[in-house]
Amino acid sequence: MAKTNPLTFLQQVRAEVSKVVWPTRREVFLTTVMVFIMAALTATFFALVDILIRSGLQGILGLFG
């Protein structure tokens, strides 16, 4: 692999960074809101599953205990 000098490297980095399509403020806001909604739904789902499993196990252990 050929080595490049630091100046050429920095020029290549600037050229690549200029090709990046940055999200708009609205896109960032909407995706952030969606992440929080999905996290809340996931937490609620697992909390309900935990309650159901705990209740079921307490019921089963109550029969034999």
C-alpha atoms as a PDB file:
ATOM      1  CA  MET A   1       0.000   0.000   0.000  1.00  0.00           C
ATOM      2  CA  ALA A   2       1.382   3.357  -1.005  1.00  0.00           C
ATOM      3  CA  LYS A   3       1.927   5.906   1.723  1.00  0.00           C
ATOM      4  CA  THR A   4       0.505   9.379   1.344  1.00  0.00           C
ATOM      5  CA  ASN A   5       1.817  12.487   2.952  1.00  0.00           C
ATOM      6  CA  PRO A   6      -0.268  14.129   5.706  1.00  0.00           C
ATOM      7  CA  LEU A   7      -1.400  17.023   3.500  1.00  0.00           C
ATOM      8  CA  THR A   8      -2.781  14.659   0.850  1.00  0.00           C
ATOM      9  CA  PHE A   9      -4.454  12.601   3.554  1.00  0.00           C
ATOM     10  CA  LEU A  10      -6.184  15.665   5.005  1.00  0.00           C
ATOM     11  CA  GLN A  11      -7.331  16.742   1.544  1.00  0.00           C
ATOM     12  CA  GLN A  12      -8.794  13.280   0.953  1.00  0.00           C
ATOM     13  CA  VAL A  13     -10.531  13.361   4.339  1.00  0.00           C
ATOM     14  CA  ARG A  14     -12.076  16.765   3.563  1.00  0.00           C
ATOM     15  CA  ALA A  15     -13.241  15.487   0.174  1.00  0.00           C
ATOM     16  CA  GLU A  16     -14.899  12.443   1.758  1.00  0.00           C
ATOM     17  CA  VAL A  17     -16.531  14.462   4.545  1.00  0.00           C
ATOM     18  CA  SER A  18     -17.994  16.839   1.968  1.00  0.00           C
ATOM     19  CA  LYS A  19     -19.767  13.842   0.354  1.00  0.00           C
ATOM     20  CA  VAL A  20     -21.606  12.989   3.580  1.00  0.00           C
ATOM     21  CA  VAL A  21     -25.313  13.758   3.509  1.00  0.00           C
ATOM     22  CA  TRP A  22     -26.097  15.087   6.974  1.00  0.00           C
ATOM     23  CA  PRO A  23     -29.634  14.660   8.335  1.00  0.00           C
ATOM     24  CA  THR A  24     -31.809  17.692   8.809  1.00  0.00           C
ATOM     25  CA  ARG A  25     -32.822  18.903  12.265  1.00  0.00           C
ATOM     26  CA  ARG A  26     -36.349  17.546  11.634  1.00  0.00           C
ATOM     27  CA  GLU A  27     -35.022  14.086  10.691  1.00  0.00           C
ATOM     28  CA  VAL A  28     -32.873  13.962  13.829  1.00  0.00           C
ATOM     29  CA  PHE A  29     -35.828  15.029  15.982  1.00  0.00           C
ATOM     30  CA  LEU A  30     -38.196  12.464  14.447  1.00  0.00           C
ATOM     31  CA  THR A  31     -35.761   9.572  14.713  1.00  0.00           C
ATOM     32  CA  THR A  32     -34.964  10.531  18.320  1.00  0.00           C
ATOM     33  CA  VAL A  33     -38.665  10.559  19.185  1.00  0.00           C
ATOM     34  CA  MET A  34     -39.117   7.177  17.494  1.00  0.00           C
ATOM     35  CA  VAL A  35     -36.231   5.716  19.489  1.00  0.00           C
ATOM     36  CA  PHE A  36     -37.784   6.920  22.756  1.00  0.00           C
ATOM     37  CA  ILE A  37     -41.210   5.550  21.763  1.00  0.00           C
ATOM     38  CA  MET A  38     -39.764   2.158  20.806  1.00  0.00           C
ATOM     39  CA  ALA A  39     -37.734   2.024  24.029  1.00  0.00           C
ATOM     40  CA  ALA A  40     -40.868   2.778  26.070  1.00  0.00           C
ATOM     41  CA  LEU A  41     -42.878   0.125  24.212  1.00  0.00           C
ATOM     42  CA  THR A  42     -40.115  -2.434  24.675  1.00  0.00           C
ATOM     43  CA  ALA A  43     -39.801  -1.636  28.383  1.00  0.00           C
ATOM     44  CA  THR A  44     -43.569  -1.938  28.817  1.00  0.00           C
ATOM     45  CA  PHE A  45     -43.659  -5.262  26.981  1.00  0.00           C
ATOM     46  CA  PHE A  46     -40.887  -6.779  29.069  1.00  0.00           C
ATOM     47  CA  ALA A  47     -42.406  -5.434  32.290  1.00  0.00           C
ATOM     48  CA  LEU A  48     -45.717  -7.123  31.433  1.00  0.00           C
ATOM     49  CA  VAL A  49     -43.988 -10.376  30.516  1.00  0.00           C
ATOM     50  CA  ASP A  50     -42.045 -10.215  33.786  1.00  0.00           C
ATOM     51  CA  ILE A  51     -45.258  -9.690  35.778  1.00  0.00           C
ATOM     52  CA  LEU A  52     -46.957 -12.601  33.998  1.00  0.00           C
ATOM     53  CA  ILE A  53     -44.035 -14.968  34.553  1.00  0.00           C
ATOM     54  CA  ARG A  54     -43.695 -13.917  38.200  1.00  0.00           C
ATOM     55  CA  SER A  55     -47.435 -14.386  38.822  1.00  0.00           C
ATOM     56  CA  GLY A  56     -47.381 -17.769  37.122  1.00  0.00           C
ATOM     57  CA  LEU A  57     -44.398 -18.970  39.121  1.00  0.00           C
ATOM     58  CA  GLN A  58     -45.886 -17.694  42.391  1.00  0.00           C
ATOM     59  CA  GLY A  59     -49.105 -19.539  41.567  1.00  0.00           C
ATOM     60  CA  ILE A  60     -47.285 -22.780  40.785  1.00  0.00           C
ATOM     61  CA  LEU A  61     -45.027 -22.526  43.844  1.00  0.00           C
ATOM     62  CA  GLY A  62     -48.058 -21.653  45.989  1.00  0.00           C
ATOM     63  CA  LEU A  63     -49.664 -24.954  45.055  1.00  0.00           C
ATOM     64  CA  PHE A  64     -46.668 -26.964  46.233  1.00  0.00           C
ATOM     65  CA  GLY A  65     -45.420 -24.766  49.069  1.00  0.00           C
END
